Amino acid sequence: VSYPNSKSRHLVEMSRKLVSDFGGEVPSTTEELTTLPGVGRKT
């Protein structure tokens, strides 16, 4: 895929923050989602 190095890093960092801050669940608000590495407003 495009930019595989940065995306690989973001996926791991995002997953770790989901586990540490949200109990492994994906939040449902813009404010919470955009705290995740690699996740901007569009995503």
PDB file of all heavy atoms in Angstrom:
ATOM      1  N   VAL A   1       0.849  -1.188   0.000  1.00  0.00           N
ATOM      2  CA  VAL A   1       0.000   0.000   0.000  1.00  0.00           C
ATOM      3  C   VAL A   1       0.886   1.240   0.000  1.00  0.00           C
ATOM      4  O   VAL A   1       2.102   1.163   0.186  1.00  0.00           O
ATOM      5  CB  VAL A   1      -0.963   0.019   1.210  1.00  0.00           C
ATOM      6  CG1 VAL A   1      -1.716  -1.294   1.317  1.00  0.00           C
ATOM      7  CG2 VAL A   1      -0.224   0.327   2.504  1.00  0.00           C
ATOM      8  N   SER A   2       0.289   2.408  -0.196  1.00  0.00           N
ATOM      9  CA  SER A   2       1.062   3.646  -0.149  1.00  0.00           C
ATOM     10  C   SER A   2       1.522   3.936   1.276  1.00  0.00           C
ATOM     11  O   SER A   2       0.821   3.639   2.240  1.00  0.00           O
ATOM     12  CB  SER A   2       0.202   4.803  -0.660  1.00  0.00           C
ATOM     13  OG  SER A   2      -0.967   4.925   0.130  1.00  0.00           O
ATOM     14  N   TYR A   3       2.713   4.475   1.404  1.00  0.00           N
ATOM     15  CA  TYR A   3       3.303   4.862   2.697  1.00  0.00           C
ATOM     16  C   TYR A   3       3.209   3.741   3.739  1.00  0.00           C
ATOM     17  O   TYR A   3       2.704   3.936   4.844  1.00  0.00           O
ATOM     18  CB  TYR A   3       2.630   6.123   3.226  1.00  0.00           C
ATOM     19  CG  TYR A   3       2.630   7.252   2.221  1.00  0.00           C
ATOM     20  CD1 TYR A   3       1.458   7.591   1.532  1.00  0.00           C
ATOM     21  CD2 TYR A   3       3.798   7.960   1.936  1.00  0.00           C
ATOM     22  CE1 TYR A   3       1.466   8.614   0.585  1.00  0.00           C
ATOM     23  CE2 TYR A   3       3.800   8.983   0.999  1.00  0.00           C
ATOM     24  CZ  TYR A   3       2.639   9.304   0.328  1.00  0.00           C
ATOM     25  OH  TYR A   3       2.656  10.306  -0.598  1.00  0.00           O
ATOM     26  N   PRO A   4       3.701   2.553   3.411  1.00  0.00           N
ATOM     27  CA  PRO A   4       3.538   1.409   4.310  1.00  0.00           C
ATOM     28  C   PRO A   4       4.259   1.564   5.649  1.00  0.00           C
ATOM     29  O   PRO A   4       3.786   1.049   6.670  1.00  0.00           O
ATOM     30  CB  PRO A   4       4.104   0.242   3.502  1.00  0.00           C
ATOM     31  CG  PRO A   4       5.078   0.876   2.563  1.00  0.00           C
ATOM     32  CD  PRO A   4       4.457   2.198   2.198  1.00  0.00           C
ATOM     33  N   ASN A   5       5.396   2.250   5.667  1.00  0.00           N
ATOM     34  CA  ASN A   5       6.125   2.395   6.924  1.00  0.00           C
ATOM     35  C   ASN A   5       5.351   3.213   7.942  1.00  0.00           C
ATOM     36  O   ASN A   5       5.166   2.797   9.092  1.00  0.00           O
ATOM     37  CB  ASN A   5       7.499   3.038   6.670  1.00  0.00           C
ATOM     38  CG  ASN A   5       8.465   2.095   5.985  1.00  0.00           C
ATOM     39  OD1 ASN A   5       8.824   1.060   6.526  1.00  0.00           O
ATOM     40  ND2 ASN A   5       8.893   2.447   4.787  1.00  0.00           N
ATOM     41  N   SER A   6       4.865   4.382   7.525  1.00  0.00           N
ATOM     42  CA  SER A   6       4.130   5.235   8.457  1.00  0.00           C
ATOM     43  C   SER A   6       2.788   4.614   8.830  1.00  0.00           C
ATOM     44  O   SER A   6       2.354   4.699   9.988  1.00  0.00           O
ATOM     45  CB  SER A   6       3.925   6.631   7.866  1.00  0.00           C
ATOM     46  OG  SER A   6       3.186   6.571   6.657  1.00  0.00           O
ATOM     47  N   LYS A   7       2.148   3.944   7.886  1.00  0.00           N
ATOM     48  CA  LYS A   7       0.853   3.327   8.179  1.00  0.00           C
ATOM     49  C   LYS A   7       1.008   2.148   9.130  1.00  0.00           C
ATOM     50  O   LYS A   7       0.162   1.945  10.015  1.00  0.00           O
ATOM     51  CB  LYS A   7       0.154   2.909   6.881  1.00  0.00           C
ATOM     52  CG  LYS A   7      -0.355   4.096   6.062  1.00  0.00           C
ATOM     53  CD  LYS A   7      -1.017   3.660   4.773  1.00  0.00           C
ATOM     54  CE  LYS A   7      -1.542   4.862   3.991  1.00  0.00           C
ATOM     55  NZ  LYS A   7      -2.186   4.469   2.708  1.00  0.00           N
ATOM     56  N   SER A   8       2.075   1.378   8.978  1.00  0.00           N
ATOM     57  CA  SER A   8       2.337   0.267   9.901  1.00  0.00           C
ATOM     58  C   SER A   8       2.522   0.806  11.312  1.00  0.00           C
ATOM     59  O   SER A   8       1.991   0.254  12.286  1.00  0.00           O
ATOM     60  CB  SER A   8       3.586  -0.499   9.469  1.00  0.00           C
ATOM     61  OG  SER A   8       3.424  -1.080   8.197  1.00  0.00           O
ATOM     62  N   ARG A   9       3.277   1.878  11.426  1.00  0.00           N
ATOM     63  CA  ARG A   9       3.513   2.485  12.736  1.00  0.00           C
ATOM     64  C   ARG A   9       2.213   3.020  13.330  1.00  0.00           C
ATOM     65  O   ARG A   9       1.934   2.817  14.518  1.00  0.00           O
ATOM     66  CB  ARG A   9       4.540   3.608  12.604  1.00  0.00           C
ATOM     67  CG  ARG A   9       4.964   4.209  13.954  1.00  0.00           C
ATOM     68  CD  ARG A   9       6.007   5.288  13.787  1.00  0.00           C
ATOM     69  NE  ARG A   9       5.466   6.495  13.169  1.00  0.00           N
ATOM     70  CZ  ARG A   9       5.671   6.862  11.917  1.00  0.00           C
ATOM     71  NH1 ARG A   9       6.411   6.105  11.123  1.00  0.00           N
ATOM     72  NH2 ARG A   9       5.144   7.975  11.430  1.00  0.00           N
ATOM     73  N   HIS A  10       1.434   3.695  12.510  1.00  0.00           N
ATOM     74  CA  HIS A  10       0.173   4.251  12.999  1.00  0.00           C
ATOM     75  C   HIS A  10      -0.782   3.162  13.467  1.00  0.00           C
ATOM     76  O   HIS A  10      -1.471   3.316  14.484  1.00  0.00           O
ATOM     77  CB  HIS A  10      -0.498   5.088  11.906  1.00  0.00           C
ATOM     78  CG  HIS A  10       0.132   6.426  11.720  1.00  0.00           C
ATOM     79  ND1 HIS A  10       0.151   7.079  10.502  1.00  0.00           N
ATOM     80  CD2 HIS A  10       0.774   7.246  12.586  1.00  0.00           C
ATOM     81  CE1 HIS A  10       0.776   8.234  10.636  1.00  0.00           C
ATOM     82  NE2 HIS A  10       1.169   8.352  11.873  1.00  0.00           N
ATOM     83  N   LEU A  11      -0.842   2.066  12.736  1.00  0.00           N
ATOM     84  CA  LEU A  11      -1.749   0.978  13.117  1.00  0.00           C
ATOM     85  C   LEU A  11      -1.387   0.412  14.483  1.00  0.00           C
ATOM     86  O   LEU A  11      -2.269   0.168  15.318  1.00  0.00           O
ATOM     87  CB  LEU A  11      -1.728  -0.131  12.065  1.00  0.00           C
ATOM     88  CG  LEU A  11      -2.452   0.157  10.749  1.00  0.00           C
ATOM     89  CD1 LEU A  11      -2.254  -1.000   9.774  1.00  0.00           C
ATOM     90  CD2 LEU A  11      -3.934   0.412  10.974  1.00  0.00           C
ATOM     91  N   VAL A  12      -0.104   0.225  14.729  1.00  0.00           N
ATOM     92  CA  VAL A  12       0.326  -0.307  16.024  1.00  0.00           C
ATOM     93  C   VAL A  12       0.076   0.712  17.130  1.00  0.00           C
ATOM     94  O   VAL A  12      -0.484   0.383  18.192  1.00  0.00           O
ATOM     95  CB  VAL A  12       1.817  -0.701  15.973  1.00  0.00           C
ATOM     96  CG1 VAL A  12       2.321  -1.038  17.375  1.00  0.00           C
ATOM     97  CG2 VAL A  12       2.015  -1.891  15.046  1.00  0.00           C
ATOM     98  N   GLU A  13       0.456   1.965  16.889  1.00  0.00           N
ATOM     99  CA  GLU A  13       0.263   3.007  17.901  1.00  0.00           C
ATOM    100  C   GLU A  13      -1.218   3.238  18.175  1.00  0.00           C
ATOM    101  O   GLU A  13      -1.623   3.440  19.327  1.00  0.00           O
ATOM    102  CB  GLU A  13       0.940   4.295  17.451  1.00  0.00           C
ATOM    103  CG  GLU A  13       2.459   4.197  17.395  1.00  0.00           C
ATOM    104  CD  GLU A  13       3.099   5.435  16.801  1.00  0.00           C
ATOM    105  OE1 GLU A  13       2.362   6.290  16.256  1.00  0.00           O
ATOM    106  OE2 GLU A  13       4.338   5.563  16.874  1.00  0.00           O
ATOM    107  N   MET A  14      -2.032   3.223  17.120  1.00  0.00           N
ATOM    108  CA  MET A  14      -3.469   3.383  17.264  1.00  0.00           C
ATOM    109  C   MET A  14      -4.051   2.256  18.112  1.00  0.00           C
ATOM    110  O   MET A  14      -4.861   2.481  19.017  1.00  0.00           O
ATOM    111  CB  MET A  14      -4.135   3.400  15.890  1.00  0.00           C
ATOM    112  CG  MET A  14      -5.658   3.456  15.907  1.00  0.00           C
ATOM    113  SD  MET A  14      -6.331   3.141  14.266  1.00  0.00           S
ATOM    114  CE  MET A  14      -6.096   1.374  14.127  1.00  0.00           C
ATOM    115  N   SER A  15      -3.623   1.026  17.830  1.00  0.00           N
ATOM    116  CA  SER A  15      -4.134  -0.128  18.563  1.00  0.00           C
ATOM    117  C   SER A  15      -3.746  -0.058  20.039  1.00  0.00           C
ATOM    118  O   SER A  15      -4.555  -0.363  20.927  1.00  0.00           O
ATOM    119  CB  SER A  15      -3.589  -1.426  17.946  1.00  0.00           C
ATOM    120  OG  SER A  15      -4.020  -1.561  16.608  1.00  0.00           O
ATOM    121  N   ARG A  16      -2.542   0.352  20.304  1.00  0.00           N
ATOM    122  CA  ARG A  16      -2.098   0.456  21.696  1.00  0.00           C
ATOM    123  C   ARG A  16      -2.871   1.520  22.460  1.00  0.00           C
ATOM    124  O   ARG A  16      -3.196   1.340  23.632  1.00  0.00           O
ATOM    125  CB  ARG A  16      -0.589   0.736  21.731  1.00  0.00           C
ATOM    126  CG  ARG A  16       0.234  -0.471  21.274  1.00  0.00           C
ATOM    127  CD  ARG A  16       1.721  -0.170  21.164  1.00  0.00           C
ATOM    128  NE  ARG A  16       2.450  -1.376  20.750  1.00  0.00           N
ATOM    129  CZ  ARG A  16       3.736  -1.400  20.442  1.00  0.00           C
ATOM    130  NH1 ARG A  16       4.456  -0.279  20.482  1.00  0.00           N
ATOM    131  NH2 ARG A  16       4.319  -2.542  20.077  1.00  0.00           N
ATOM    132  N   LYS A  17      -3.196   2.621  21.786  1.00  0.00           N
ATOM    133  CA  LYS A  17      -3.980   3.665  22.446  1.00  0.00           C
ATOM    134  C   LYS A  17      -5.430   3.211  22.651  1.00  0.00           C
ATOM    135  O   LYS A  17      -6.054   3.534  23.666  1.00  0.00           O
ATOM    136  CB  LYS A  17      -3.942   4.970  21.648  1.00  0.00           C
ATOM    137  CG  LYS A  17      -4.539   6.168  22.410  1.00  0.00           C
ATOM    138  CD  LYS A  17      -4.258   7.463  21.711  1.00  0.00           C
ATOM    139  CE  LYS A  17      -4.813   8.651  22.489  1.00  0.00           C
ATOM    140  NZ  LYS A  17      -4.153   8.824  23.815  1.00  0.00           N
ATOM    141  N   LEU A  18      -5.960   2.448  21.695  1.00  0.00           N
ATOM    142  CA  LEU A  18      -7.302   1.895  21.873  1.00  0.00           C
ATOM    143  C   LEU A  18      -7.350   1.007  23.118  1.00  0.00           C
ATOM    144  O   LEU A  18      -8.310   1.065  23.897  1.00  0.00           O
ATOM    145  CB  LEU A  18      -7.716   1.080  20.643  1.00  0.00           C
ATOM    146  CG  LEU A  18      -8.157   1.852  19.405  1.00  0.00           C
ATOM    147  CD1 LEU A  18      -8.394   0.899  18.238  1.00  0.00           C
ATOM    148  CD2 LEU A  18      -9.423   2.658  19.680  1.00  0.00           C
ATOM    149  N   VAL A  19      -6.313   0.201  23.303  1.00  0.00           N
ATOM    150  CA  VAL A  19      -6.262  -0.696  24.457  1.00  0.00           C
ATOM    151  C   VAL A  19      -6.074   0.093  25.751  1.00  0.00           C
ATOM    152  O   VAL A  19      -6.778  -0.126  26.743  1.00  0.00           O
ATOM    153  CB  VAL A  19      -5.138  -1.733  24.289  1.00  0.00           C
ATOM    154  CG1 VAL A  19      -4.956  -2.540  25.574  1.00  0.00           C
ATOM    155  CG2 VAL A  19      -5.454  -2.668  23.127  1.00  0.00           C
ATOM    156  N   SER A  20      -5.151   1.042  25.751  1.00  0.00           N
ATOM    157  CA  SER A  20      -4.831   1.761  26.984  1.00  0.00           C
ATOM    158  C   SER A  20      -5.898   2.769  27.392  1.00  0.00           C
ATOM    159  O   SER A  20      -6.168   2.951  28.582  1.00  0.00           O
ATOM    160  CB  SER A  20      -3.485   2.486  26.839  1.00  0.00           C
ATOM    161  OG  SER A  20      -3.552   3.488  25.832  1.00  0.00           O
ATOM    162  N   ASP A  21      -6.538   3.416  26.402  1.00  0.00           N
ATOM    163  CA  ASP A  21      -7.474   4.497  26.714  1.00  0.00           C
ATOM    164  C   ASP A  21      -8.943   4.127  26.543  1.00  0.00           C
ATOM    165  O   ASP A  21      -9.808   4.769  27.146  1.00  0.00           O
ATOM    166  CB  ASP A  21      -7.187   5.711  25.829  1.00  0.00           C
ATOM    167  CG  ASP A  21      -5.849   6.367  26.141  1.00  0.00           C
ATOM    168  OD1 ASP A  21      -5.051   5.758  26.885  1.00  0.00           O
ATOM    169  OD2 ASP A  21      -5.591   7.476  25.636  1.00  0.00           O
ATOM    170  N   PHE A  22      -9.226   3.105  25.745  1.00  0.00           N
ATOM    171  CA  PHE A  22     -10.626   2.804  25.428  1.00  0.00           C
ATOM    172  C   PHE A  22     -10.979   1.332  25.621  1.00  0.00           C
ATOM    173  O   PHE A  22     -11.997   0.859  25.104  1.00  0.00           O
ATOM    174  CB  PHE A  22     -10.947   3.231  23.989  1.00  0.00           C
ATOM    175  CG  PHE A  22     -10.720   4.691  23.715  1.00  0.00           C
ATOM    176  CD1 PHE A  22      -9.570   5.110  23.051  1.00  0.00           C
ATOM    177  CD2 PHE A  22     -11.623   5.643  24.150  1.00  0.00           C
ATOM    178  CE1 PHE A  22      -9.337   6.456  22.807  1.00  0.00           C
ATOM    179  CE2 PHE A  22     -11.406   6.994  23.905  1.00  0.00           C
ATOM    180  CZ  PHE A  22     -10.264   7.409  23.237  1.00  0.00           C
ATOM    181  N   GLY A  23     -10.168   0.612  26.360  1.00  0.00           N
ATOM    182  CA  GLY A  23     -10.459  -0.786  26.631  1.00  0.00           C
ATOM    183  C   GLY A  23     -10.497  -1.661  25.401  1.00  0.00           C
ATOM    184  O   GLY A  23     -11.145  -2.714  25.389  1.00  0.00           O
ATOM    185  N   GLY A  24      -9.803  -1.240  24.346  1.00  0.00           N
ATOM    186  CA  GLY A  24      -9.767  -2.027  23.116  1.00  0.00           C
ATOM    187  C   GLY A  24     -10.934  -1.776  22.174  1.00  0.00           C
ATOM    188  O   GLY A  24     -10.985  -2.359  21.090  1.00  0.00           O
ATOM    189  N   GLU A  25     -11.871  -0.909  22.584  1.00  0.00           N
ATOM    190  CA  GLU A  25     -13.040  -0.614  21.755  1.00  0.00           C
ATOM    191  C   GLU A  25     -12.832   0.677  20.968  1.00  0.00           C
ATOM    192  O   GLU A  25     -12.133   1.591  21.420  1.00  0.00           O
ATOM    193  CB  GLU A  25     -14.288  -0.483  22.639  1.00  0.00           C
ATOM    194  CG  GLU A  25     -14.613  -1.737  23.444  1.00  0.00           C
ATOM    195  CD  GLU A  25     -14.883  -2.943  22.567  1.00  0.00           C
ATOM    196  OE1 GLU A  25     -15.560  -2.773  21.534  1.00  0.00           O
ATOM    197  OE2 GLU A  25     -14.421  -4.047  22.908  1.00  0.00           O
ATOM    198  N   VAL A  26     -13.456   0.761  19.809  1.00  0.00           N
ATOM    199  CA  VAL A  26     -13.350   1.952  18.972  1.00  0.00           C
ATOM    200  C   VAL A  26     -14.363   2.983  19.441  1.00  0.00           C
ATOM    201  O   VAL A  26     -15.566   2.696  19.488  1.00  0.00           O
ATOM    202  CB  VAL A  26     -13.591   1.616  17.492  1.00  0.00           C
ATOM    203  CG1 VAL A  26     -13.575   2.889  16.645  1.00  0.00           C
ATOM    204  CG2 VAL A  26     -12.547   0.629  16.996  1.00  0.00           C
ATOM    205  N   PRO A  27     -13.937   4.188  19.815  1.00  0.00           N
ATOM    206  CA  PRO A  27     -14.878   5.218  20.277  1.00  0.00           C
ATOM    207  C   PRO A  27     -15.753   5.736  19.145  1.00  0.00           C
ATOM    208  O   PRO A  27     -15.493   5.446  17.963  1.00  0.00           O
ATOM    209  CB  PRO A  27     -13.959   6.312  20.818  1.00  0.00           C
ATOM    210  CG  PRO A  27     -12.688   6.145  20.040  1.00  0.00           C
ATOM    211  CD  PRO A  27     -12.545   4.662  19.825  1.00  0.00           C
ATOM    212  N   SER A  28     -16.754   6.532  19.476  1.00  0.00           N
ATOM    213  CA  SER A  28     -17.742   6.939  18.476  1.00  0.00           C
ATOM    214  C   SER A  28     -17.830   8.441  18.256  1.00  0.00           C
ATOM    215  O   SER A  28     -18.706   8.902  17.527  1.00  0.00           O
ATOM    216  CB  SER A  28     -19.127   6.424  18.884  1.00  0.00           C
ATOM    217  OG  SER A  28     -19.524   7.002  20.129  1.00  0.00           O
ATOM    218  N   THR A  29     -16.939   9.229  18.853  1.00  0.00           N
ATOM    219  CA  THR A  29     -16.996  10.677  18.663  1.00  0.00           C
ATOM    220  C   THR A  29     -15.760  11.175  17.933  1.00  0.00           C
ATOM    221  O   THR A  29     -14.688  10.569  17.999  1.00  0.00           O
ATOM    222  CB  THR A  29     -17.106  11.418  20.005  1.00  0.00           C
ATOM    223  OG1 THR A  29     -15.861  11.272  20.730  1.00  0.00           O
ATOM    224  CG2 THR A  29     -18.254  10.874  20.845  1.00  0.00           C
ATOM    225  N   THR A  30     -15.911  12.308  17.269  1.00  0.00           N
ATOM    226  CA  THR A  30     -14.787  12.913  16.563  1.00  0.00           C
ATOM    227  C   THR A  30     -13.650  13.225  17.525  1.00  0.00           C
ATOM    228  O   THR A  30     -12.478  12.971  17.227  1.00  0.00           O
ATOM    229  CB  THR A  30     -15.235  14.207  15.863  1.00  0.00           C
ATOM    230  OG1 THR A  30     -16.275  13.910  14.930  1.00  0.00           O
ATOM    231  CG2 THR A  30     -14.074  14.865  15.126  1.00  0.00           C
ATOM    232  N   GLU A  31     -14.015  13.773  18.677  1.00  0.00           N
ATOM    233  CA  GLU A  31     -13.007  14.184  19.652  1.00  0.00           C
ATOM    234  C   GLU A  31     -12.158  12.988  20.101  1.00  0.00           C
ATOM    235  O   GLU A  31     -10.931  13.092  20.213  1.00  0.00           O
ATOM    236  CB  GLU A  31     -13.676  14.835  20.855  1.00  0.00           C
ATOM    237  CG  GLU A  31     -14.351  16.169  20.573  1.00  0.00           C
ATOM    238  CD  GLU A  31     -15.638  16.042  19.767  1.00  0.00           C
ATOM    239  OE1 GLU A  31     -16.257  14.955  19.787  1.00  0.00           O
ATOM    240  OE2 GLU A  31     -16.016  17.027  19.102  1.00  0.00           O
ATOM    241  N   GLU A  32     -12.790  11.873  20.362  1.00  0.00           N
ATOM    242  CA  GLU A  32     -12.062  10.689  20.814  1.00  0.00           C
ATOM    243  C   GLU A  32     -11.301  10.025  19.674  1.00  0.00           C
ATOM    244  O   GLU A  32     -10.132   9.641  19.831  1.00  0.00           O
ATOM    245  CB  GLU A  32     -13.039   9.691  21.444  1.00  0.00           C
ATOM    246  CG  GLU A  32     -13.651  10.159  22.750  1.00  0.00           C
ATOM    247  CD  GLU A  32     -14.736   9.219  23.235  1.00  0.00           C
ATOM    248  OE1 GLU A  32     -15.572   8.790  22.405  1.00  0.00           O
ATOM    249  OE2 GLU A  32     -14.751   8.920  24.438  1.00  0.00           O
ATOM    250  N   LEU A  33     -11.947   9.886  18.535  1.00  0.00           N
ATOM    251  CA  LEU A  33     -11.307   9.212  17.405  1.00  0.00           C
ATOM    252  C   LEU A  33     -10.044   9.934  16.946  1.00  0.00           C
ATOM    253  O   LEU A  33      -9.044   9.302  16.611  1.00  0.00           O
ATOM    254  CB  LEU A  33     -12.296   9.087  16.243  1.00  0.00           C
ATOM    255  CG  LEU A  33     -13.382   8.016  16.396  1.00  0.00           C
ATOM    256  CD1 LEU A  33     -14.507   8.251  15.407  1.00  0.00           C
ATOM    257  CD2 LEU A  33     -12.782   6.621  16.210  1.00  0.00           C
ATOM    258  N   THR A  34     -10.083  11.256  16.942  1.00  0.00           N
ATOM    259  CA  THR A  34      -8.934  12.006  16.438  1.00  0.00           C
ATOM    260  C   THR A  34      -7.785  12.072  17.442  1.00  0.00           C
ATOM    261  O   THR A  34      -6.736  12.663  17.135  1.00  0.00           O
ATOM    262  CB  THR A  34      -9.342  13.427  16.010  1.00  0.00           C
ATOM    263  OG1 THR A  34     -10.055  14.071  17.079  1.00  0.00           O
ATOM    264  CG2 THR A  34     -10.216  13.385  14.764  1.00  0.00           C
ATOM    265  N   THR A  35      -7.947  11.473  18.611  1.00  0.00           N
ATOM    266  CA  THR A  35      -6.803  11.336  19.516  1.00  0.00           C
ATOM    267  C   THR A  35      -5.951  10.134  19.135  1.00  0.00           C
ATOM    268  O   THR A  35      -4.829   9.975  19.631  1.00  0.00           O
ATOM    269  CB  THR A  35      -7.247  11.171  20.986  1.00  0.00           C
ATOM    270  OG1 THR A  35      -7.928   9.916  21.148  1.00  0.00           O
ATOM    271  CG2 THR A  35      -8.139  12.321  21.426  1.00  0.00           C
ATOM    272  N   LEU A  36      -6.470   9.286  18.267  1.00  0.00           N
ATOM    273  CA  LEU A  36      -5.756   8.077  17.865  1.00  0.00           C
ATOM    274  C   LEU A  36      -4.701   8.399  16.809  1.00  0.00           C
ATOM    275  O   LEU A  36      -4.973   9.146  15.862  1.00  0.00           O
ATOM    276  CB  LEU A  36      -6.741   7.047  17.306  1.00  0.00           C
ATOM    277  CG  LEU A  36      -7.858   6.590  18.248  1.00  0.00           C
ATOM    278  CD1 LEU A  36      -8.867   5.733  17.495  1.00  0.00           C
ATOM    279  CD2 LEU A  36      -7.277   5.815  19.432  1.00  0.00           C
ATOM    280  N   PRO A  37      -3.495   7.869  16.931  1.00  0.00           N
ATOM    281  CA  PRO A  37      -2.452   8.106  15.940  1.00  0.00           C
ATOM    282  C   PRO A  37      -2.905   7.733  14.530  1.00  0.00           C
ATOM    283  O   PRO A  37      -3.476   6.667  14.311  1.00  0.00           O
ATOM    284  CB  PRO A  37      -1.308   7.194  16.407  1.00  0.00           C
ATOM    285  CG  PRO A  37      -1.513   7.083  17.887  1.00  0.00           C
ATOM    286  CD  PRO A  37      -3.008   7.038  18.059  1.00  0.00           C
ATOM    287  N   GLY A  38      -2.661   8.645  13.594  1.00  0.00           N
ATOM    288  CA  GLY A  38      -2.999   8.390  12.200  1.00  0.00           C
ATOM    289  C   GLY A  38      -4.444   8.652  11.828  1.00  0.00           C
ATOM    290  O   GLY A  38      -4.816   8.517  10.660  1.00  0.00           O
ATOM    291  N   VAL A  39      -5.273   9.032  12.806  1.00  0.00           N
ATOM    292  CA  VAL A  39      -6.700   9.239  12.538  1.00  0.00           C
ATOM    293  C   VAL A  39      -7.018  10.734  12.516  1.00  0.00           C
ATOM    294  O   VAL A  39      -6.898  11.423  13.536  1.00  0.00           O
ATOM    295  CB  VAL A  39      -7.582   8.538  13.597  1.00  0.00           C
ATOM    296  CG1 VAL A  39      -9.064   8.829  13.345  1.00  0.00           C
ATOM    297  CG2 VAL A  39      -7.318   7.039  13.575  1.00  0.00           C
ATOM    298  N   GLY A  40      -7.398  11.222  11.344  1.00  0.00           N
ATOM    299  CA  GLY A  40      -7.807  12.610  11.201  1.00  0.00           C
ATOM    300  C   GLY A  40      -9.322  12.715  11.102  1.00  0.00           C
ATOM    301  O   GLY A  40     -10.041  11.727  11.265  1.00  0.00           O
ATOM    302  N   ARG A  41      -9.792  13.895  10.800  1.00  0.00           N
ATOM    303  CA  ARG A  41     -11.236  14.151  10.761  1.00  0.00           C
ATOM    304  C   ARG A  41     -11.938  13.307   9.696  1.00  0.00           C
ATOM    305  O   ARG A  41     -13.022  12.794   9.926  1.00  0.00           O
ATOM    306  CB  ARG A  41     -11.493  15.637  10.511  1.00  0.00           C
ATOM    307  CG  ARG A  41     -12.975  16.018  10.595  1.00  0.00           C
ATOM    308  CD  ARG A  41     -13.193  17.500  10.402  1.00  0.00           C
ATOM    309  NE  ARG A  41     -14.607  17.820  10.532  1.00  0.00           N
ATOM    310  CZ  ARG A  41     -15.208  18.106  11.682  1.00  0.00           C
ATOM    311  NH1 ARG A  41     -14.510  18.105  12.796  1.00  0.00           N
ATOM    312  NH2 ARG A  41     -16.499  18.362  11.711  1.00  0.00           N
ATOM    313  N   LYS A  42     -11.287  13.153   8.538  1.00  0.00           N
ATOM    314  CA  LYS A  42     -11.919  12.374   7.465  1.00  0.00           C
ATOM    315  C   LYS A  42     -12.159  10.934   7.901  1.00  0.00           C
ATOM    316  O   LYS A  42     -13.256  10.397   7.743  1.00  0.00           O
ATOM    317  CB  LYS A  42     -11.040  12.404   6.211  1.00  0.00           C
ATOM    318  CG  LYS A  42     -11.642  11.654   5.026  1.00  0.00           C
ATOM    319  CD  LYS A  42     -10.666  11.575   3.868  1.00  0.00           C
ATOM    320  CE  LYS A  42      -9.572  10.580   4.131  1.00  0.00           C
ATOM    321  NZ  LYS A  42      -8.685  10.364   2.957  1.00  0.00           N
ATOM    322  N   THR A  43     -11.132  10.305   8.462  1.00  0.00           N
ATOM    323  CA  THR A  43     -11.273   8.924   8.926  1.00  0.00           C
ATOM    324  C   THR A  43     -12.307   8.822  10.041  1.00  0.00           C
ATOM    325  O   THR A  43     -13.123   7.897  10.065  1.00  0.00           O
ATOM    326  CB  THR A  43      -9.912   8.390   9.419  1.00  0.00           C
ATOM    327  OG1 THR A  43      -8.995   8.390   8.322  1.00  0.00           O
ATOM    328  CG2 THR A  43     -10.033   6.976   9.960  1.00  0.00           C
TER     329      THR A  43
END
